[in-house]
Amino acid sequence: MIQVFGLLGLALIIAAWAVNIARNSPPPPLDLTLLYFIGSVFLTLYAVLLGDVVFTVLNALSGILSFINLVRALRIKT
């Protein structure tokens, strides 16, 4: 039952990221996006080592979506 709360939070956070990208909203500043991406990678590794499935999936998906924003930010900059 407790994991339901984690899965619901995961779904809402990822949905917010996806909606932001789907709306073609401008990406966050490049430095912020890069730091967020790197942080997500490390938190994904940490969650894997802990064996926490919810946070592994959340951080992995957040990393993927922040990587998409990183690519978008780099395209705008060039």
N, C-alpha and C. Protein backbone atom coordinates (compact mmCIF):
# COMPACT_ATOMS: atom_id res chain seq x y z
N MET A 1 0.82 -1.21 0.00
CA MET A 1 0.00 0.00 0.00
C MET A 1 0.86 1.27 0.00
N ILE A 2 1.94 1.26 0.75
CA ILE A 2 2.80 2.43 0.83
C ILE A 2 3.42 2.73 -0.53
N GLN A 3 3.73 1.67 -1.29
CA GLN A 3 4.36 1.87 -2.59
C GLN A 3 3.43 2.59 -3.55
N VAL A 4 2.12 2.51 -3.33
CA VAL A 4 1.16 3.22 -4.17
C VAL A 4 1.43 4.73 -4.11
N PHE A 5 1.73 5.24 -2.94
CA PHE A 5 2.04 6.67 -2.81
C PHE A 5 3.29 7.03 -3.62
N GLY A 6 4.29 6.19 -3.53
CA GLY A 6 5.51 6.42 -4.30
C GLY A 6 5.26 6.37 -5.79
N LEU A 7 4.48 5.40 -6.24
CA LEU A 7 4.16 5.30 -7.67
C LEU A 7 3.32 6.47 -8.15
N LEU A 8 2.40 6.92 -7.31
CA LEU A 8 1.58 8.08 -7.68
C LEU A 8 2.44 9.34 -7.79
N GLY A 9 3.34 9.53 -6.83
CA GLY A 9 4.25 10.67 -6.89
C GLY A 9 5.14 10.60 -8.11
N LEU A 10 5.66 9.40 -8.40
CA LEU A 10 6.49 9.19 -9.59
C LEU A 10 5.73 9.59 -10.85
N ALA A 11 4.51 9.09 -10.97
CA ALA A 11 3.71 9.37 -12.17
C ALA A 11 3.44 10.86 -12.33
N LEU A 12 3.13 11.54 -11.24
CA LEU A 12 2.82 12.98 -11.33
C LEU A 12 4.06 13.81 -11.69
N ILE A 13 5.20 13.47 -11.10
CA ILE A 13 6.43 14.22 -11.41
C ILE A 13 6.82 14.02 -12.87
N ILE A 14 6.79 12.78 -13.33
CA ILE A 14 7.16 12.51 -14.72
C ILE A 14 6.14 13.13 -15.68
N ALA A 15 4.87 13.10 -15.30
CA ALA A 15 3.84 13.73 -16.15
C ALA A 15 4.10 15.24 -16.27
N ALA A 16 4.50 15.87 -15.18
CA ALA A 16 4.78 17.31 -15.23
C ALA A 16 5.93 17.61 -16.18
N TRP A 17 7.00 16.81 -16.12
CA TRP A 17 8.12 16.98 -17.04
C TRP A 17 7.66 16.78 -18.49
N ALA A 18 6.90 15.72 -18.72
CA ALA A 18 6.47 15.40 -20.07
C ALA A 18 5.56 16.49 -20.64
N VAL A 19 4.66 17.01 -19.81
CA VAL A 19 3.77 18.09 -20.26
C VAL A 19 4.59 19.32 -20.63
N ASN A 20 5.58 19.64 -19.82
CA ASN A 20 6.44 20.80 -20.10
C ASN A 20 7.14 20.66 -21.45
N ILE A 21 7.65 19.46 -21.72
CA ILE A 21 8.34 19.23 -23.00
C ILE A 21 7.35 19.21 -24.15
N ALA A 22 6.20 18.56 -23.96
CA ALA A 22 5.19 18.46 -25.02
C ALA A 22 4.63 19.83 -25.40
N ARG A 23 4.55 20.74 -24.46
CA ARG A 23 4.04 22.10 -24.75
C ARG A 23 5.07 22.96 -25.46
N ASN A 24 6.26 22.43 -25.65
CA ASN A 24 7.36 23.18 -26.24
C ASN A 24 7.70 24.43 -25.43
N SER A 25 7.52 24.32 -24.11
CA SER A 25 7.94 25.41 -23.23
C SER A 25 9.45 25.54 -23.33
N PRO A 26 9.98 26.73 -23.15
CA PRO A 26 11.44 26.85 -23.20
C PRO A 26 12.07 26.01 -22.10
N PRO A 27 13.20 25.38 -22.41
CA PRO A 27 13.88 24.59 -21.38
C PRO A 27 14.46 25.50 -20.31
N PRO A 28 14.71 24.94 -19.12
CA PRO A 28 15.39 25.73 -18.09
C PRO A 28 16.77 26.14 -18.58
N PRO A 29 17.42 27.07 -17.89
CA PRO A 29 18.77 27.48 -18.30
C PRO A 29 19.71 26.28 -18.41
N LEU A 30 20.66 26.40 -19.32
CA LEU A 30 21.57 25.29 -19.63
C LEU A 30 22.32 24.79 -18.40
N ASP A 31 22.85 25.70 -17.58
CA ASP A 31 23.62 25.26 -16.40
C ASP A 31 22.74 24.49 -15.42
N LEU A 32 21.53 24.96 -15.20
CA LEU A 32 20.59 24.26 -14.32
C LEU A 32 20.23 22.88 -14.87
N THR A 33 19.98 22.82 -16.16
CA THR A 33 19.61 21.56 -16.80
C THR A 33 20.75 20.55 -16.72
N LEU A 34 21.97 21.01 -16.94
CA LEU A 34 23.13 20.11 -16.86
C LEU A 34 23.31 19.58 -15.45
N LEU A 35 23.22 20.45 -14.46
CA LEU A 35 23.35 20.01 -13.07
C LEU A 35 22.24 19.03 -12.70
N TYR A 36 21.04 19.29 -13.15
CA TYR A 36 19.91 18.40 -12.85
C TYR A 36 20.13 17.03 -13.49
N PHE A 37 20.60 17.02 -14.72
CA PHE A 37 20.85 15.76 -15.41
C PHE A 37 21.92 14.94 -14.67
N ILE A 38 23.03 15.57 -14.33
CA ILE A 38 24.10 14.86 -13.63
C ILE A 38 23.61 14.36 -12.27
N GLY A 39 22.87 15.20 -11.57
CA GLY A 39 22.31 14.80 -10.28
C GLY A 39 21.36 13.62 -10.42
N SER A 40 20.56 13.60 -11.46
CA SER A 40 19.64 12.49 -11.69
C SER A 40 20.38 11.19 -11.97
N VAL A 41 21.48 11.28 -12.69
CA VAL A 41 22.29 10.08 -12.97
C VAL A 41 22.84 9.51 -11.66
N PHE A 42 23.40 10.37 -10.82
CA PHE A 42 23.95 9.88 -9.55
C PHE A 42 22.86 9.35 -8.62
N LEU A 43 21.72 10.03 -8.58
CA LEU A 43 20.63 9.54 -7.73
C LEU A 43 20.05 8.22 -8.25
N THR A 44 20.07 8.03 -9.57
CA THR A 44 19.63 6.75 -10.13
C THR A 44 20.57 5.64 -9.67
N LEU A 45 21.87 5.88 -9.75
CA LEU A 45 22.84 4.88 -9.28
C LEU A 45 22.65 4.59 -7.80
N TYR A 46 22.44 5.62 -7.02
CA TYR A 46 22.23 5.46 -5.58
C TYR A 46 20.98 4.63 -5.30
N ALA A 47 19.89 4.92 -5.99
CA ALA A 47 18.65 4.18 -5.79
C ALA A 47 18.79 2.72 -6.21
N VAL A 48 19.55 2.48 -7.29
CA VAL A 48 19.81 1.10 -7.73
C VAL A 48 20.56 0.35 -6.63
N LEU A 49 21.59 0.99 -6.08
CA LEU A 49 22.38 0.35 -5.02
C LEU A 49 21.55 0.07 -3.77
N LEU A 50 20.57 0.93 -3.49
CA LEU A 50 19.68 0.71 -2.36
C LEU A 50 18.60 -0.33 -2.66
N GLY A 51 18.38 -0.59 -3.95
CA GLY A 51 17.33 -1.52 -4.34
C GLY A 51 15.94 -0.91 -4.29
N ASP A 52 15.85 0.40 -4.39
CA ASP A 52 14.57 1.10 -4.34
C ASP A 52 14.04 1.31 -5.76
N VAL A 53 13.05 0.50 -6.12
CA VAL A 53 12.54 0.51 -7.49
C VAL A 53 11.87 1.84 -7.84
N VAL A 54 11.06 2.37 -6.94
CA VAL A 54 10.33 3.61 -7.23
C VAL A 54 11.31 4.75 -7.52
N PHE A 55 12.31 4.94 -6.67
CA PHE A 55 13.24 6.04 -6.88
C PHE A 55 14.22 5.76 -8.01
N THR A 56 14.48 4.51 -8.28
CA THR A 56 15.31 4.19 -9.45
C THR A 56 14.59 4.62 -10.72
N VAL A 57 13.32 4.24 -10.85
CA VAL A 57 12.55 4.60 -12.04
C VAL A 57 12.36 6.11 -12.12
N LEU A 58 12.00 6.73 -11.00
CA LEU A 58 11.79 8.18 -10.98
C LEU A 58 13.05 8.93 -11.43
N ASN A 59 14.18 8.60 -10.85
CA ASN A 59 15.41 9.32 -11.20
C ASN A 59 15.89 9.00 -12.60
N ALA A 60 15.70 7.76 -13.04
CA ALA A 60 16.08 7.41 -14.42
C ALA A 60 15.23 8.19 -15.42
N LEU A 61 13.93 8.22 -15.20
CA LEU A 61 13.05 8.97 -16.12
C LEU A 61 13.31 10.48 -16.03
N SER A 62 13.57 10.99 -14.83
CA SER A 62 13.91 12.40 -14.69
C SER A 62 15.21 12.72 -15.43
N GLY A 63 16.15 11.79 -15.36
CA GLY A 63 17.41 11.97 -16.08
C GLY A 63 17.20 12.00 -17.58
N ILE A 64 16.35 11.10 -18.07
CA ILE A 64 16.06 11.07 -19.52
C ILE A 64 15.38 12.36 -19.95
N LEU A 65 14.39 12.80 -19.19
CA LEU A 65 13.68 14.02 -19.56
C LEU A 65 14.56 15.26 -19.41
N SER A 66 15.44 15.28 -18.42
CA SER A 66 16.35 16.42 -18.31
C SER A 66 17.39 16.39 -19.43
N PHE A 67 17.75 15.19 -19.89
CA PHE A 67 18.65 15.10 -21.05
C PHE A 67 17.96 15.68 -22.29
N ILE A 68 16.68 15.39 -22.45
CA ILE A 68 15.92 15.98 -23.57
C ILE A 68 15.95 17.50 -23.46
N ASN A 69 15.74 18.03 -22.26
CA ASN A 69 15.81 19.48 -22.08
C ASN A 69 17.20 20.01 -22.33
N LEU A 70 18.21 19.23 -21.99
CA LEU A 70 19.60 19.63 -22.26
C LEU A 70 19.83 19.77 -23.75
N VAL A 71 19.36 18.81 -24.52
CA VAL A 71 19.48 18.87 -25.98
C VAL A 71 18.71 20.07 -26.52
N ARG A 72 17.51 20.30 -25.99
CA ARG A 72 16.71 21.45 -26.44
C ARG A 72 17.44 22.76 -26.13
N ALA A 73 18.03 22.85 -24.94
CA ALA A 73 18.74 24.09 -24.55
C ALA A 73 19.96 24.32 -25.44
N LEU A 74 20.66 23.23 -25.77
CA LEU A 74 21.83 23.37 -26.64
C LEU A 74 21.43 23.79 -28.06
N ARG A 75 20.30 23.29 -28.55
CA ARG A 75 19.83 23.70 -29.87
C ARG A 75 19.48 25.17 -29.92
N ILE A 76 18.87 25.66 -28.86
CA ILE A 76 18.49 27.08 -28.79
C ILE A 76 19.74 27.95 -28.72
N LYS A 77 20.75 27.47 -27.99
CA LYS A 77 21.97 28.26 -27.79
C LYS A 77 22.78 28.39 -29.08
N THR A 78 22.71 27.38 -29.97
CA THR A 78 23.51 27.43 -31.19
C THR A 78 22.75 28.05 -32.34
